[in-house]
């Protein structure tokens, strides 16, 4: 596992820019209205685009969890 030698878990989501990009990505998927952010034009998100994409993936997983909860509760 040489490729993980320089990775420090303590730096994951350690700045407000990283959190901002993550939350924007999460909300762009979870909210029902179209995304208002164009990431290629947003300086705050384009510098931390990988956190934005991770937030979007987390939003998709959240929708699956919500759908399963609704299925178990009502069907």
PDB file of N, CA and C in Angstrom:
ATOM      1  N   UNK A   1       0.823  -1.192   0.000  1.00  0.00           N
ATOM      2  CA  UNK A   1       0.000   0.000   0.000  1.00  0.00           C
ATOM      3  C   UNK A   1       0.862   1.249   0.000  1.00  0.00           C
ATOM      4  N   UNK A   2       1.802   1.286  -0.910  1.00  0.00           N
ATOM      5  CA  UNK A   2       2.668   2.451  -1.026  1.00  0.00           C
ATOM      6  C   UNK A   2       1.920   3.703  -1.452  1.00  0.00           C
ATOM      7  N   UNK A   3       0.847   3.550  -2.207  1.00  0.00           N
ATOM      8  CA  UNK A   3       0.136   4.715  -2.711  1.00  0.00           C
ATOM      9  C   UNK A   3      -0.587   5.474  -1.602  1.00  0.00           C
ATOM     10  N   UNK A   4      -0.798   4.873  -0.438  1.00  0.00           N
ATOM     11  CA  UNK A   4      -1.444   5.548   0.687  1.00  0.00           C
ATOM     12  C   UNK A   4      -0.445   6.122   1.686  1.00  0.00           C
ATOM     13  N   UNK A   5       0.824   6.070   1.364  1.00  0.00           N
ATOM     14  CA  UNK A   5       1.846   6.495   2.309  1.00  0.00           C
ATOM     15  C   UNK A   5       1.692   7.963   2.699  1.00  0.00           C
ATOM     16  N   UNK A   6       1.383   8.836   1.773  1.00  0.00           N
ATOM     17  CA  UNK A   6       1.293  10.263   2.049  1.00  0.00           C
ATOM     18  C   UNK A   6      -0.090  10.748   2.461  1.00  0.00           C
ATOM     19  N   UNK A   7      -1.059   9.849   2.574  1.00  0.00           N
ATOM     20  CA  UNK A   7      -2.431  10.244   2.898  1.00  0.00           C
ATOM     21  C   UNK A   7      -2.579  10.395   4.408  1.00  0.00           C
ATOM     22  N   UNK A   8      -3.125  11.550   4.812  1.00  0.00           N
ATOM     23  CA  UNK A   8      -3.369  11.808   6.227  1.00  0.00           C
ATOM     24  C   UNK A   8      -4.865  11.986   6.446  1.00  0.00           C
ATOM     25  N   UNK A   9      -5.524  11.047   7.129  1.00  0.00           N
ATOM     26  CA  UNK A   9      -6.974  11.162   7.348  1.00  0.00           C
ATOM     27  C   UNK A   9      -7.377  12.413   8.116  1.00  0.00           C
ATOM     28  N   UNK A  10      -6.463  12.989   8.880  1.00  0.00           N
ATOM     29  CA  UNK A  10      -6.800  14.185   9.658  1.00  0.00           C
ATOM     30  C   UNK A  10      -7.034  15.406   8.771  1.00  0.00           C
ATOM     31  N   UNK A  11      -6.628  15.348   7.505  1.00  0.00           N
ATOM     32  CA  UNK A  11      -6.838  16.481   6.606  1.00  0.00           C
ATOM     33  C   UNK A  11      -8.127  16.352   5.786  1.00  0.00           C
ATOM     34  N   UNK A  12      -8.887  15.282   5.975  1.00  0.00           N
ATOM     35  CA  UNK A  12     -10.137  15.086   5.238  1.00  0.00           C
ATOM     36  C   UNK A  12     -11.192  16.040   5.776  1.00  0.00           C
ATOM     37  N   UNK A  13     -11.743  16.880   4.917  1.00  0.00           N
ATOM     38  CA  UNK A  13     -12.745  17.888   5.278  1.00  0.00           C
ATOM     39  C   UNK A  13     -12.274  18.744   6.458  1.00  0.00           C
ATOM     40  N   UNK A  14     -11.056  19.244   6.365  1.00  0.00           N
ATOM     41  CA  UNK A  14     -10.483  20.005   7.472  1.00  0.00           C
ATOM     42  C   UNK A  14     -10.557  21.524   7.271  1.00  0.00           C
ATOM     43  N   UNK A  15     -11.017  21.973   6.101  1.00  0.00           N
ATOM     44  CA  UNK A  15     -11.132  23.414   5.867  1.00  0.00           C
ATOM     45  C   UNK A  15     -12.567  23.754   5.467  1.00  0.00           C
ATOM     46  N   UNK A  16     -12.884  25.032   5.595  1.00  0.00           N
ATOM     47  CA  UNK A  16     -14.248  25.440   5.247  1.00  0.00           C
ATOM     48  C   UNK A  16     -14.491  25.348   3.743  1.00  0.00           C
ATOM     49  N   UNK A  17     -13.451  25.492   2.928  1.00  0.00           N
ATOM     50  CA  UNK A  17     -13.628  25.349   1.481  1.00  0.00           C
ATOM     51  C   UNK A  17     -14.021  23.915   1.121  1.00  0.00           C
ATOM     52  N   UNK A  18     -13.415  22.949   1.795  1.00  0.00           N
ATOM     53  CA  UNK A  18     -13.746  21.546   1.537  1.00  0.00           C
ATOM     54  C   UNK A  18     -15.170  21.245   1.975  1.00  0.00           C
ATOM     55  N   UNK A  19     -15.555  21.743   3.142  1.00  0.00           N
ATOM     56  CA  UNK A  19     -16.930  21.533   3.614  1.00  0.00           C
ATOM     57  C   UNK A  19     -17.935  22.212   2.691  1.00  0.00           C
ATOM     58  N   UNK A  20     -17.619  23.402   2.234  1.00  0.00           N
ATOM     59  CA  UNK A  20     -18.522  24.124   1.339  1.00  0.00           C
ATOM     60  C   UNK A  20     -18.762  23.336   0.056  1.00  0.00           C
ATOM     61  N   UNK A  21     -17.693  22.830  -0.542  1.00  0.00           N
ATOM     62  CA  UNK A  21     -17.832  22.053  -1.771  1.00  0.00           C
ATOM     63  C   UNK A  21     -18.623  20.775  -1.520  1.00  0.00           C
ATOM     64  N   UNK A  22     -18.366  20.098  -0.404  1.00  0.00           N
ATOM     65  CA  UNK A  22     -19.086  18.864  -0.074  1.00  0.00           C
ATOM     66  C   UNK A  22     -20.582  19.135   0.114  1.00  0.00           C
ATOM     67  N   UNK A  23     -20.916  20.148   0.891  1.00  0.00           N
ATOM     68  CA  UNK A  23     -22.331  20.454   1.163  1.00  0.00           C
ATOM     69  C   UNK A  23     -23.046  20.907  -0.100  1.00  0.00           C
ATOM     70  N   UNK A  24     -22.388  21.700  -0.940  1.00  0.00           N
ATOM     71  CA  UNK A  24     -22.996  22.105  -2.209  1.00  0.00           C
ATOM     72  C   UNK A  24     -23.316  20.888  -3.079  1.00  0.00           C
ATOM     73  N   UNK A  25     -22.376  19.950  -3.170  1.00  0.00           N
ATOM     74  CA  UNK A  25     -22.614  18.742  -3.958  1.00  0.00           C
ATOM     75  C   UNK A  25     -23.735  17.901  -3.388  1.00  0.00           C
ATOM     76  N   UNK A  26     -23.756  17.745  -2.067  1.00  0.00           N
ATOM     77  CA  UNK A  26     -24.792  16.969  -1.392  1.00  0.00           C
ATOM     78  C   UNK A  26     -26.163  17.584  -1.639  1.00  0.00           C
ATOM     79  N   UNK A  27     -26.259  18.890  -1.461  1.00  0.00           N
ATOM     80  CA  UNK A  27     -27.551  19.567  -1.629  1.00  0.00           C
ATOM     81  C   UNK A  27     -27.996  19.619  -3.087  1.00  0.00           C
ATOM     82  N   UNK A  28     -27.034  19.695  -4.015  1.00  0.00           N
ATOM     83  CA  UNK A  28     -27.409  19.689  -5.432  1.00  0.00           C
ATOM     84  C   UNK A  28     -28.125  18.397  -5.811  1.00  0.00           C
ATOM     85  N   UNK A  29     -27.813  17.297  -5.160  1.00  0.00           N
ATOM     86  CA  UNK A  29     -28.466  16.017  -5.451  1.00  0.00           C
ATOM     87  C   UNK A  29     -29.708  15.835  -4.593  1.00  0.00           C
ATOM     88  N   UNK A  30     -29.628  16.158  -3.328  1.00  0.00           N
ATOM     89  CA  UNK A  30     -30.717  15.857  -2.403  1.00  0.00           C
ATOM     90  C   UNK A  30     -31.928  16.766  -2.604  1.00  0.00           C
ATOM     91  N   UNK A  31     -31.701  18.016  -2.944  1.00  0.00           N
ATOM     92  CA  UNK A  31     -32.814  18.954  -3.136  1.00  0.00           C
ATOM     93  C   UNK A  31     -33.518  18.658  -4.455  1.00  0.00           C
ATOM     94  N   UNK A  32     -34.795  18.896  -4.492  1.00  0.00           N
ATOM     95  CA  UNK A  32     -35.600  18.530  -5.651  1.00  0.00           C
ATOM     96  C   UNK A  32     -35.537  19.529  -6.798  1.00  0.00           C
ATOM     97  N   UNK A  33     -35.089  20.752  -6.558  1.00  0.00           N
ATOM     98  CA  UNK A  33     -35.003  21.721  -7.633  1.00  0.00           C
ATOM     99  C   UNK A  33     -33.659  21.603  -8.347  1.00  0.00           C
ATOM    100  N   UNK A  34     -33.560  22.131  -9.566  1.00  0.00           N
ATOM    101  CA  UNK A  34     -32.318  21.996 -10.335  1.00  0.00           C
ATOM    102  C   UNK A  34     -31.138  22.667  -9.620  1.00  0.00           C
ATOM    103  N   UNK A  35     -29.937  22.143  -9.819  1.00  0.00           N
ATOM    104  CA  UNK A  35     -28.762  22.752  -9.186  1.00  0.00           C
ATOM    105  C   UNK A  35     -28.586  24.192  -9.629  1.00  0.00           C
ATOM    106  N   UNK A  36     -28.256  25.061  -8.704  1.00  0.00           N
ATOM    107  CA  UNK A  36     -28.060  26.470  -9.030  1.00  0.00           C
ATOM    108  C   UNK A  36     -26.598  26.795  -9.275  1.00  0.00           C
ATOM    109  N   UNK A  37     -25.722  25.840  -8.988  1.00  0.00           N
ATOM    110  CA  UNK A  37     -24.284  26.069  -9.071  1.00  0.00           C
ATOM    111  C   UNK A  37     -23.720  25.493 -10.363  1.00  0.00           C
ATOM    112  N   UNK A  38     -22.953  26.285 -11.045  1.00  0.00           N
ATOM    113  CA  UNK A  38     -22.179  25.800 -12.183  1.00  0.00           C
ATOM    114  C   UNK A  38     -20.736  25.752 -11.719  1.00  0.00           C
ATOM    115  N   UNK A  39     -20.274  24.572 -11.374  1.00  0.00           N
ATOM    116  CA  UNK A  39     -19.000  24.409 -10.676  1.00  0.00           C
ATOM    117  C   UNK A  39     -17.810  24.919 -11.463  1.00  0.00           C
ATOM    118  N   UNK A  40     -17.901  24.874 -12.774  1.00  0.00           N
ATOM    119  CA  UNK A  40     -16.765  25.352 -13.540  1.00  0.00           C
ATOM    120  C   UNK A  40     -16.613  26.865 -13.416  1.00  0.00           C
ATOM    121  N   UNK A  41     -17.677  27.557 -13.002  1.00  0.00           N
ATOM    122  CA  UNK A  41     -17.605  29.004 -12.828  1.00  0.00           C
ATOM    123  C   UNK A  41     -17.433  29.411 -11.375  1.00  0.00           C
ATOM    124  N   UNK A  42     -17.664  28.519 -10.443  1.00  0.00           N
ATOM    125  CA  UNK A  42     -17.548  28.838  -9.026  1.00  0.00           C
ATOM    126  C   UNK A  42     -16.126  28.578  -8.547  1.00  0.00           C
ATOM    127  N   UNK A  43     -15.446  29.615  -8.153  1.00  0.00           N
ATOM    128  CA  UNK A  43     -14.051  29.495  -7.703  1.00  0.00           C
ATOM    129  C   UNK A  43     -13.950  28.642  -6.439  1.00  0.00           C
ATOM    130  N   UNK A  44     -14.903  28.789  -5.521  1.00  0.00           N
ATOM    131  CA  UNK A  44     -14.844  28.051  -4.255  1.00  0.00           C
ATOM    132  C   UNK A  44     -14.980  26.554  -4.471  1.00  0.00           C
ATOM    133  N   UNK A  45     -15.785  26.145  -5.433  1.00  0.00           N
ATOM    134  CA  UNK A  45     -16.003  24.722  -5.657  1.00  0.00           C
ATOM    135  C   UNK A  45     -14.988  24.151  -6.639  1.00  0.00           C
ATOM    136  N   UNK A  46     -14.604  24.914  -7.627  1.00  0.00           N
ATOM    137  CA  UNK A  46     -13.674  24.366  -8.617  1.00  0.00           C
ATOM    138  C   UNK A  46     -12.324  24.015  -8.001  1.00  0.00           C
ATOM    139  N   UNK A  47     -11.928  24.709  -6.938  1.00  0.00           N
ATOM    140  CA  UNK A  47     -10.654  24.380  -6.294  1.00  0.00           C
ATOM    141  C   UNK A  47     -10.747  23.119  -5.452  1.00  0.00           C
ATOM    142  N   UNK A  48     -11.937  22.744  -5.044  1.00  0.00           N
ATOM    143  CA  UNK A  48     -12.152  21.535  -4.233  1.00  0.00           C
ATOM    144  C   UNK A  48     -13.196  20.647  -4.903  1.00  0.00           C
ATOM    145  N   UNK A  49     -13.087  20.478  -6.220  1.00  0.00           N
ATOM    146  CA  UNK A  49     -14.098  19.766  -6.997  1.00  0.00           C
ATOM    147  C   UNK A  49     -14.276  18.319  -6.544  1.00  0.00           C
ATOM    148  N   UNK A  50     -13.218  17.672  -6.103  1.00  0.00           N
ATOM    149  CA  UNK A  50     -13.322  16.281  -5.664  1.00  0.00           C
ATOM    150  C   UNK A  50     -14.233  16.151  -4.449  1.00  0.00           C
ATOM    151  N   UNK A  51     -14.257  17.156  -3.568  1.00  0.00           N
ATOM    152  CA  UNK A  51     -15.182  17.125  -2.434  1.00  0.00           C
ATOM    153  C   UNK A  51     -16.619  17.361  -2.901  1.00  0.00           C
ATOM    154  N   UNK A  52     -16.801  18.186  -3.928  1.00  0.00           N
ATOM    155  CA  UNK A  52     -18.122  18.404  -4.514  1.00  0.00           C
ATOM    156  C   UNK A  52     -18.679  17.094  -5.071  1.00  0.00           C
ATOM    157  N   UNK A  53     -17.838  16.359  -5.799  1.00  0.00           N
ATOM    158  CA  UNK A  53     -18.266  15.082  -6.376  1.00  0.00           C
ATOM    159  C   UNK A  53     -18.566  14.071  -5.264  1.00  0.00           C
ATOM    160  N   UNK A  54     -17.758  14.053  -4.218  1.00  0.00           N
ATOM    161  CA  UNK A  54     -18.015  13.166  -3.080  1.00  0.00           C
ATOM    162  C   UNK A  54     -19.341  13.532  -2.410  1.00  0.00           C
ATOM    163  N   UNK A  55     -19.641  14.808  -2.301  1.00  0.00           N
ATOM    164  CA  UNK A  55     -20.926  15.245  -1.755  1.00  0.00           C
ATOM    165  C   UNK A  55     -22.086  14.787  -2.617  1.00  0.00           C
ATOM    166  N   UNK A  56     -21.930  14.862  -3.941  1.00  0.00           N
ATOM    167  CA  UNK A  56     -22.982  14.377  -4.844  1.00  0.00           C
ATOM    168  C   UNK A  56     -23.192  12.877  -4.684  1.00  0.00           C
ATOM    169  N   UNK A  57     -22.107  12.114  -4.575  1.00  0.00           N
ATOM    170  CA  UNK A  57     -22.230  10.665  -4.389  1.00  0.00           C
ATOM    171  C   UNK A  57     -22.917  10.355  -3.064  1.00  0.00           C
ATOM    172  N   UNK A  58     -22.595  11.105  -2.029  1.00  0.00           N
ATOM    173  CA  UNK A  58     -23.243  10.914  -0.732  1.00  0.00           C
ATOM    174  C   UNK A  58     -24.737  11.250  -0.824  1.00  0.00           C
ATOM    175  N   UNK A  59     -25.078  12.265  -1.614  1.00  0.00           N
ATOM    176  CA  UNK A  59     -26.484  12.611  -1.823  1.00  0.00           C
ATOM    177  C   UNK A  59     -27.262  11.498  -2.503  1.00  0.00           C
ATOM    178  N   UNK A  60     -26.648  10.852  -3.480  1.00  0.00           N
ATOM    179  CA  UNK A  60     -27.291   9.720  -4.159  1.00  0.00           C
ATOM    180  C   UNK A  60     -27.527   8.582  -3.172  1.00  0.00           C
ATOM    181  N   UNK A  61     -26.540   8.292  -2.357  1.00  0.00           N
ATOM    182  CA  UNK A  61     -26.691   7.235  -1.341  1.00  0.00           C
ATOM    183  C   UNK A  61     -27.798   7.612  -0.358  1.00  0.00           C
ATOM    184  N   UNK A  62     -27.871   8.897   0.004  1.00  0.00           N
ATOM    185  CA  UNK A  62     -28.932   9.348   0.910  1.00  0.00           C
ATOM    186  C   UNK A  62     -30.307   9.117   0.293  1.00  0.00           C
ATOM    187  N   UNK A  63     -30.458   9.358  -1.026  1.00  0.00           N
ATOM    188  CA  UNK A  63     -31.740   9.095  -1.688  1.00  0.00           C
ATOM    189  C   UNK A  63     -32.105   7.617  -1.627  1.00  0.00           C
ATOM    190  N   UNK A  64     -31.115   6.733  -1.798  1.00  0.00           N
ATOM    191  CA  UNK A  64     -31.395   5.296  -1.682  1.00  0.00           C
ATOM    192  C   UNK A  64     -31.857   4.944  -0.267  1.00  0.00           C
ATOM    193  N   UNK A  65     -31.230   5.526   0.735  1.00  0.00           N
ATOM    194  CA  UNK A  65     -31.623   5.272   2.130  1.00  0.00           C
ATOM    195  C   UNK A  65     -33.033   5.801   2.382  1.00  0.00           C
ATOM    196  N   UNK A  66     -33.324   6.998   1.897  1.00  0.00           N
ATOM    197  CA  UNK A  66     -34.662   7.572   2.062  1.00  0.00           C
ATOM    198  C   UNK A  66     -35.703   6.699   1.370  1.00  0.00           C
ATOM    199  N   UNK A  67     -35.413   6.236   0.158  1.00  0.00           N
ATOM    200  CA  UNK A  67     -36.353   5.389  -0.574  1.00  0.00           C
ATOM    201  C   UNK A  67     -36.603   4.083   0.183  1.00  0.00           C
ATOM    202  N   UNK A  68     -35.578   3.502   0.773  1.00  0.00           N
ATOM    203  CA  UNK A  68     -35.740   2.253   1.528  1.00  0.00           C
ATOM    204  C   UNK A  68     -36.581   2.488   2.780  1.00  0.00           C
ATOM    205  N   UNK A  69     -36.369   3.607   3.443  1.00  0.00           N
ATOM    206  CA  UNK A  69     -37.164   3.931   4.635  1.00  0.00           C
ATOM    207  C   UNK A  69     -38.632   4.111   4.249  1.00  0.00           C
ATOM    208  N   UNK A  70     -38.901   4.811   3.154  1.00  0.00           N
ATOM    209  CA  UNK A  70     -40.275   5.006   2.692  1.00  0.00           C
ATOM    210  C   UNK A  70     -40.896   3.661   2.305  1.00  0.00           C
ATOM    211  N   UNK A  71     -40.139   2.824   1.636  1.00  0.00           N
ATOM    212  CA  UNK A  71     -40.637   1.502   1.240  1.00  0.00           C
ATOM    213  C   UNK A  71     -41.009   0.684   2.466  1.00  0.00           C
ATOM    214  N   UNK A  72     -40.147   0.658   3.477  1.00  0.00           N
ATOM    215  CA  UNK A  72     -40.425  -0.124   4.684  1.00  0.00           C
ATOM    216  C   UNK A  72     -41.581   0.447   5.487  1.00  0.00           C
ATOM    217  N   UNK A  73     -41.723   1.759   5.480  1.00  0.00           N
ATOM    218  CA  UNK A  73     -42.761   2.398   6.280  1.00  0.00           C
ATOM    219  C   UNK A  73     -44.145   2.284   5.655  1.00  0.00           C
ATOM    220  N   UNK A  74     -44.230   2.335   4.323  1.00  0.00           N
ATOM    221  CA  UNK A  74     -45.534   2.429   3.683  1.00  0.00           C
ATOM    222  C   UNK A  74     -45.923   1.248   2.810  1.00  0.00           C
ATOM    223  N   UNK A  75     -45.008   0.357   2.474  1.00  0.00           N
ATOM    224  CA  UNK A  75     -45.358  -0.736   1.561  1.00  0.00           C
ATOM    225  C   UNK A  75     -45.052  -2.060   2.145  1.00  0.00           C
TER     226      UNK A  75
END
